[in-house]
Amino acid sequence: MISDTDACPCRSGKTFGECCGPFLSGAALPPTAEALMRSRYTAFATHNADYLEETLLPGTREDFDRDAALEWAKSSLWTGLEVRHSEAGGERDEDGVVEFVAHFQADNQDRVHHETATFRKQDGRWWYVDGIMGARPRKVEKIGRNDPCSCGSGKKYKKCCGQAA
């Protein structure tokens, strides 16, 4: 059992009582997508399958396997959380994306769960929508030699930042 004065399993640097504890107890709602993601990690670490189910976006819960989630949570030692990237998901946003790596041990082996999760704010509350394993591909636009330079100079790329040194 974790106490309010223990370090929060999500490794935010705060105590459980000032971080994820109020969310898991229902005393408060996570104000951001990242806070919800951290609290869901903590729910795994504290074996709180009810919270995992309750934070799924309504309408997406039909395929949630509570027993399997609880078994995974209990059979693993949750050793840390690493937030890699967040997009939107702030208090005034309606959608957010959080890329994270959950570290755990299972069968005496170090393992990771790398996910890019999507969150949605609905009725004033953040919900977990879904996730993909690994990092979400980031869109990179190529600049052609005759395109305007991305530095904003007004020159063509080939005559500005694209010049060979």
C-alpha atoms as a PDB file:
ATOM      1  CA  MET A   1       0.000   0.000   0.000  1.00  0.00           C
ATOM      2  CA  ILE A   2       1.315   3.426  -0.903  1.00  0.00           C
ATOM      3  CA  SER A   3       0.952   6.363   1.475  1.00  0.00           C
ATOM      4  CA  ASP A   4       0.416  10.013   0.609  1.00  0.00           C
ATOM      5  CA  THR A   5       3.974  10.826   1.752  1.00  0.00           C
ATOM      6  CA  ASP A   6       5.646   8.215  -0.481  1.00  0.00           C
ATOM      7  CA  ALA A   7       7.207   9.279  -3.769  1.00  0.00           C
ATOM      8  CA  CYS A   8       4.676   9.075  -6.574  1.00  0.00           C
ATOM      9  CA  PRO A   9       5.283   6.021  -8.798  1.00  0.00           C
ATOM     10  CA  CYS A  10       5.039   8.244 -11.911  1.00  0.00           C
ATOM     11  CA  ARG A  11       8.355   9.822 -10.886  1.00  0.00           C
ATOM     12  CA  SER A  12       7.113  13.391 -11.089  1.00  0.00           C
ATOM     13  CA  GLY A  13       9.275  14.297  -8.106  1.00  0.00           C
ATOM     14  CA  LYS A  14       6.162  14.888  -5.993  1.00  0.00           C
ATOM     15  CA  THR A  15       4.639  12.764  -3.279  1.00  0.00           C
ATOM     16  CA  PHE A  16       1.747  10.465  -4.101  1.00  0.00           C
ATOM     17  CA  GLY A  17      -0.557  12.720  -2.078  1.00  0.00           C
ATOM     18  CA  GLU A  18       0.341  15.829  -4.086  1.00  0.00           C
ATOM     19  CA  CYS A  19       0.517  14.099  -7.468  1.00  0.00           C
ATOM     20  CA  CYS A  20      -1.558  11.102  -8.596  1.00  0.00           C
ATOM     21  CA  GLY A  21      -3.191  10.181  -5.273  1.00  0.00           C
ATOM     22  CA  PRO A  22      -6.084  12.664  -5.495  1.00  0.00           C
ATOM     23  CA  PHE A  23      -6.867  11.498  -9.042  1.00  0.00           C
ATOM     24  CA  LEU A  24      -6.899   7.802  -8.140  1.00  0.00           C
ATOM     25  CA  SER A  25      -9.083   8.436  -5.078  1.00  0.00           C
ATOM     26  CA  GLY A  26     -11.568  10.534  -7.069  1.00  0.00           C
ATOM     27  CA  ALA A  27     -10.901  13.672  -5.011  1.00  0.00           C
ATOM     28  CA  ALA A  28      -9.698  15.562  -8.108  1.00  0.00           C
ATOM     29  CA  LEU A  29      -9.581  15.271 -11.904  1.00  0.00           C
ATOM     30  CA  PRO A  30      -6.302  15.384 -13.838  1.00  0.00           C
ATOM     31  CA  PRO A  31      -6.019  18.894 -15.336  1.00  0.00           C
ATOM     32  CA  THR A  32      -3.960  17.835 -18.376  1.00  0.00           C
ATOM     33  CA  ALA A  33      -3.529  14.867 -20.699  1.00  0.00           C
ATOM     34  CA  GLU A  34      -0.074  14.232 -19.257  1.00  0.00           C
ATOM     35  CA  ALA A  35      -1.441  14.240 -15.704  1.00  0.00           C
ATOM     36  CA  LEU A  36      -4.027  11.646 -16.750  1.00  0.00           C
ATOM     37  CA  MET A  37      -1.340   9.540 -18.416  1.00  0.00           C
ATOM     38  CA  ARG A  38       0.846   9.718 -15.285  1.00  0.00           C
ATOM     39  CA  SER A  39      -2.105   8.742 -13.094  1.00  0.00           C
ATOM     40  CA  ARG A  40      -2.872   5.777 -15.350  1.00  0.00           C
ATOM     41  CA  TYR A  41       0.741   4.595 -14.998  1.00  0.00           C
ATOM     42  CA  THR A  42       0.358   4.963 -11.228  1.00  0.00           C
ATOM     43  CA  ALA A  43      -2.871   2.949 -11.417  1.00  0.00           C
ATOM     44  CA  PHE A  44      -0.883   0.093 -12.948  1.00  0.00           C
ATOM     45  CA  ALA A  45       1.786   0.453 -10.250  1.00  0.00           C
ATOM     46  CA  THR A  46      -0.861   0.364  -7.496  1.00  0.00           C
ATOM     47  CA  HIS A  47      -3.048  -2.303  -9.164  1.00  0.00           C
ATOM     48  CA  ASN A  48      -6.055  -0.013  -9.568  1.00  0.00           C
ATOM     49  CA  ALA A  49      -7.920  -1.583 -12.514  1.00  0.00           C
ATOM     50  CA  ASP A  50     -11.083   0.352 -11.661  1.00  0.00           C
ATOM     51  CA  TYR A  51      -9.300   3.646 -12.354  1.00  0.00           C
ATOM     52  CA  LEU A  52      -7.892   2.304 -15.626  1.00  0.00           C
ATOM     53  CA  GLU A  53     -11.395   1.433 -16.786  1.00  0.00           C
ATOM     54  CA  GLU A  54     -13.018   4.626 -15.467  1.00  0.00           C
ATOM     55  CA  THR A  55     -10.543   6.853 -17.362  1.00  0.00           C
ATOM     56  CA  LEU A  56     -11.263   5.284 -20.755  1.00  0.00           C
ATOM     57  CA  LEU A  57     -13.307   7.524 -23.036  1.00  0.00           C
ATOM     58  CA  PRO A  58     -16.960   6.477 -22.733  1.00  0.00           C
ATOM     59  CA  GLY A  59     -17.840   4.390 -25.768  1.00  0.00           C
ATOM     60  CA  THR A  60     -14.374   2.782 -25.927  1.00  0.00           C
ATOM     61  CA  ARG A  61     -14.631   0.528 -22.875  1.00  0.00           C
ATOM     62  CA  GLU A  62     -16.311  -2.490 -24.472  1.00  0.00           C
ATOM     63  CA  ASP A  63     -13.001  -4.218 -25.292  1.00  0.00           C
ATOM     64  CA  PHE A  64     -11.289  -3.393 -21.978  1.00  0.00           C
ATOM     65  CA  ASP A  65     -10.227  -6.623 -20.306  1.00  0.00           C
ATOM     66  CA  ARG A  66     -10.189  -5.684 -16.640  1.00  0.00           C
ATOM     67  CA  ASP A  67      -8.884  -9.077 -15.492  1.00  0.00           C
ATOM     68  CA  ALA A  68      -5.999  -9.029 -17.972  1.00  0.00           C
ATOM     69  CA  ALA A  69      -5.068  -5.455 -17.028  1.00  0.00           C
ATOM     70  CA  LEU A  70      -5.119  -6.340 -13.343  1.00  0.00           C
ATOM     71  CA  GLU A  71      -3.054  -9.474 -13.923  1.00  0.00           C
ATOM     72  CA  TRP A  72      -0.439  -7.485 -15.891  1.00  0.00           C
ATOM     73  CA  ALA A  73      -0.355  -4.828 -13.188  1.00  0.00           C
ATOM     74  CA  LYS A  74       0.046  -7.344 -10.358  1.00  0.00           C
ATOM     75  CA  SER A  75       2.576  -9.578 -12.121  1.00  0.00           C
ATOM     76  CA  SER A  76       4.871  -6.654 -12.921  1.00  0.00           C
ATOM     77  CA  LEU A  77       7.119  -4.453 -10.825  1.00  0.00           C
ATOM     78  CA  TRP A  78       6.641  -0.906 -12.136  1.00  0.00           C
ATOM     79  CA  THR A  79      10.048   0.788 -12.030  1.00  0.00           C
ATOM     80  CA  GLY A  80       9.601   4.169 -13.689  1.00  0.00           C
ATOM     81  CA  LEU A  81       7.957   6.395 -16.223  1.00  0.00           C
ATOM     82  CA  GLU A  82       9.619   8.499 -18.886  1.00  0.00           C
ATOM     83  CA  VAL A  83       7.566  11.121 -20.718  1.00  0.00           C
ATOM     84  CA  ARG A  84       9.202  11.594 -24.114  1.00  0.00           C
ATOM     85  CA  HIS A  85       6.925  14.061 -25.886  1.00  0.00           C
ATOM     86  CA  SER A  86       3.636  15.878 -25.402  1.00  0.00           C
ATOM     87  CA  GLU A  87       1.500  17.726 -27.926  1.00  0.00           C
ATOM     88  CA  ALA A  88      -1.318  19.962 -26.727  1.00  0.00           C
ATOM     89  CA  GLY A  89      -3.245  18.345 -23.871  1.00  0.00           C
ATOM     90  CA  GLY A  90      -3.178  21.463 -21.701  1.00  0.00           C
ATOM     91  CA  GLU A  91      -5.954  22.747 -19.478  1.00  0.00           C
ATOM     92  CA  ARG A  92      -7.529  24.712 -22.356  1.00  0.00           C
ATOM     93  CA  ASP A  93      -7.043  22.083 -25.079  1.00  0.00           C
ATOM     94  CA  GLU A  94      -9.598  19.535 -26.246  1.00  0.00           C
ATOM     95  CA  ASP A  95      -7.124  16.895 -27.492  1.00  0.00           C
ATOM     96  CA  GLY A  96      -3.649  15.813 -26.520  1.00  0.00           C
ATOM     97  CA  VAL A  97      -0.959  13.291 -27.362  1.00  0.00           C
ATOM     98  CA  VAL A  98       1.646  11.938 -24.943  1.00  0.00           C
ATOM     99  CA  GLU A  99       4.520   9.674 -25.934  1.00  0.00           C
ATOM    100  CA  PHE A 100       5.862   7.758 -22.959  1.00  0.00           C
ATOM    101  CA  VAL A 101       7.918   4.759 -21.916  1.00  0.00           C
ATOM    102  CA  ALA A 102       6.741   2.754 -18.920  1.00  0.00           C
ATOM    103  CA  HIS A 103       9.542   0.722 -17.349  1.00  0.00           C
ATOM    104  CA  PHE A 104       8.699  -2.497 -15.518  1.00  0.00           C
ATOM    105  CA  GLN A 105      10.033  -5.896 -14.625  1.00  0.00           C
ATOM    106  CA  ALA A 106       8.245  -9.123 -15.519  1.00  0.00           C
ATOM    107  CA  ASP A 107       9.587 -12.646 -15.178  1.00  0.00           C
ATOM    108  CA  ASN A 108      12.755 -11.148 -13.646  1.00  0.00           C
ATOM    109  CA  GLN A 109      13.498  -9.227 -16.834  1.00  0.00           C
ATOM    110  CA  ASP A 110      13.561  -5.477 -17.437  1.00  0.00           C
ATOM    111  CA  ARG A 111      10.931  -4.490 -19.970  1.00  0.00           C
ATOM    112  CA  VAL A 112       9.405  -1.371 -21.484  1.00  0.00           C
ATOM    113  CA  HIS A 113       6.019  -0.364 -22.791  1.00  0.00           C
ATOM    114  CA  HIS A 114       6.574   2.445 -25.341  1.00  0.00           C
ATOM    115  CA  GLU A 115       3.331   4.082 -26.400  1.00  0.00           C
ATOM    116  CA  THR A 116       2.036   7.221 -28.030  1.00  0.00           C
ATOM    117  CA  ALA A 117      -1.335   7.804 -26.398  1.00  0.00           C
ATOM    118  CA  THR A 118      -4.210   9.996 -27.526  1.00  0.00           C
ATOM    119  CA  PHE A 119      -6.389  11.839 -25.023  1.00  0.00           C
ATOM    120  CA  ARG A 120      -9.600  13.846 -25.379  1.00  0.00           C
ATOM    121  CA  LYS A 121     -11.249  16.360 -23.092  1.00  0.00           C
ATOM    122  CA  GLN A 122     -14.990  15.866 -22.949  1.00  0.00           C
ATOM    123  CA  ASP A 123     -17.453  17.358 -20.471  1.00  0.00           C
ATOM    124  CA  GLY A 124     -14.560  19.135 -18.722  1.00  0.00           C
ATOM    125  CA  ARG A 125     -12.627  15.921 -18.091  1.00  0.00           C
ATOM    126  CA  TRP A 126      -9.623  14.264 -19.755  1.00  0.00           C
ATOM    127  CA  TRP A 127     -10.070  10.706 -21.068  1.00  0.00           C
ATOM    128  CA  TYR A 128      -7.702   8.119 -22.554  1.00  0.00           C
ATOM    129  CA  VAL A 129      -8.798   7.392 -26.143  1.00  0.00           C
ATOM    130  CA  ASP A 130      -6.227   4.962 -27.540  1.00  0.00           C
ATOM    131  CA  GLY A 131      -2.570   4.456 -28.218  1.00  0.00           C
ATOM    132  CA  ILE A 132      -0.108   3.049 -30.685  1.00  0.00           C
ATOM    133  CA  MET A 133       3.008   1.171 -29.754  1.00  0.00           C
ATOM    134  CA  GLY A 134       6.174   3.223 -30.144  1.00  0.00           C
ATOM    135  CA  ALA A 135       6.517   6.782 -31.330  1.00  0.00           C
ATOM    136  CA  ARG A 136       3.949   8.352 -33.619  1.00  0.00           C
ATOM    137  CA  PRO A 137       5.593   9.276 -36.917  1.00  0.00           C
ATOM    138  CA  ARG A 138       6.317  12.976 -36.984  1.00  0.00           C
ATOM    139  CA  LYS A 139       5.686  14.849 -40.184  1.00  0.00           C
ATOM    140  CA  VAL A 140       8.814  16.392 -41.673  1.00  0.00           C
ATOM    141  CA  GLU A 141       8.436  18.660 -44.672  1.00  0.00           C
ATOM    142  CA  LYS A 142      11.246  18.782 -47.184  1.00  0.00           C
ATOM    143  CA  ILE A 143      12.190  22.179 -48.491  1.00  0.00           C
ATOM    144  CA  GLY A 144      12.903  22.360 -52.203  1.00  0.00           C
ATOM    145  CA  ARG A 145      15.836  24.433 -53.466  1.00  0.00           C
ATOM    146  CA  ASN A 146      13.466  26.966 -55.049  1.00  0.00           C
ATOM    147  CA  ASP A 147      11.052  27.149 -52.101  1.00  0.00           C
ATOM    148  CA  PRO A 148      11.086  30.165 -49.804  1.00  0.00           C
ATOM    149  CA  CYS A 149      13.632  29.677 -47.023  1.00  0.00           C
ATOM    150  CA  SER A 150      12.123  28.478 -43.770  1.00  0.00           C
ATOM    151  CA  CYS A 151      14.108  31.082 -41.807  1.00  0.00           C
ATOM    152  CA  GLY A 152      11.737  33.786 -43.047  1.00  0.00           C
ATOM    153  CA  SER A 153      14.317  35.838 -44.950  1.00  0.00           C
ATOM    154  CA  GLY A 154      12.154  35.990 -48.080  1.00  0.00           C
ATOM    155  CA  LYS A 155      14.972  34.507 -50.178  1.00  0.00           C
ATOM    156  CA  LYS A 156      14.867  31.165 -51.956  1.00  0.00           C
ATOM    157  CA  TYR A 157      16.246  28.317 -49.856  1.00  0.00           C
ATOM    158  CA  LYS A 158      19.140  27.733 -52.319  1.00  0.00           C
ATOM    159  CA  LYS A 159      20.246  31.376 -51.956  1.00  0.00           C
ATOM    160  CA  CYS A 160      19.934  31.426 -48.140  1.00  0.00           C
ATOM    161  CA  CYS A 161      20.225  28.579 -45.634  1.00  0.00           C
ATOM    162  CA  GLY A 162      20.586  25.965 -48.379  1.00  0.00           C
ATOM    163  CA  GLN A 163      23.857  27.360 -49.721  1.00  0.00           C
ATOM    164  CA  ALA A 164      26.732  24.908 -49.698  1.00  0.00           C
ATOM    165  CA  ALA A 165      29.468  26.079 -47.380  1.00  0.00           C
END
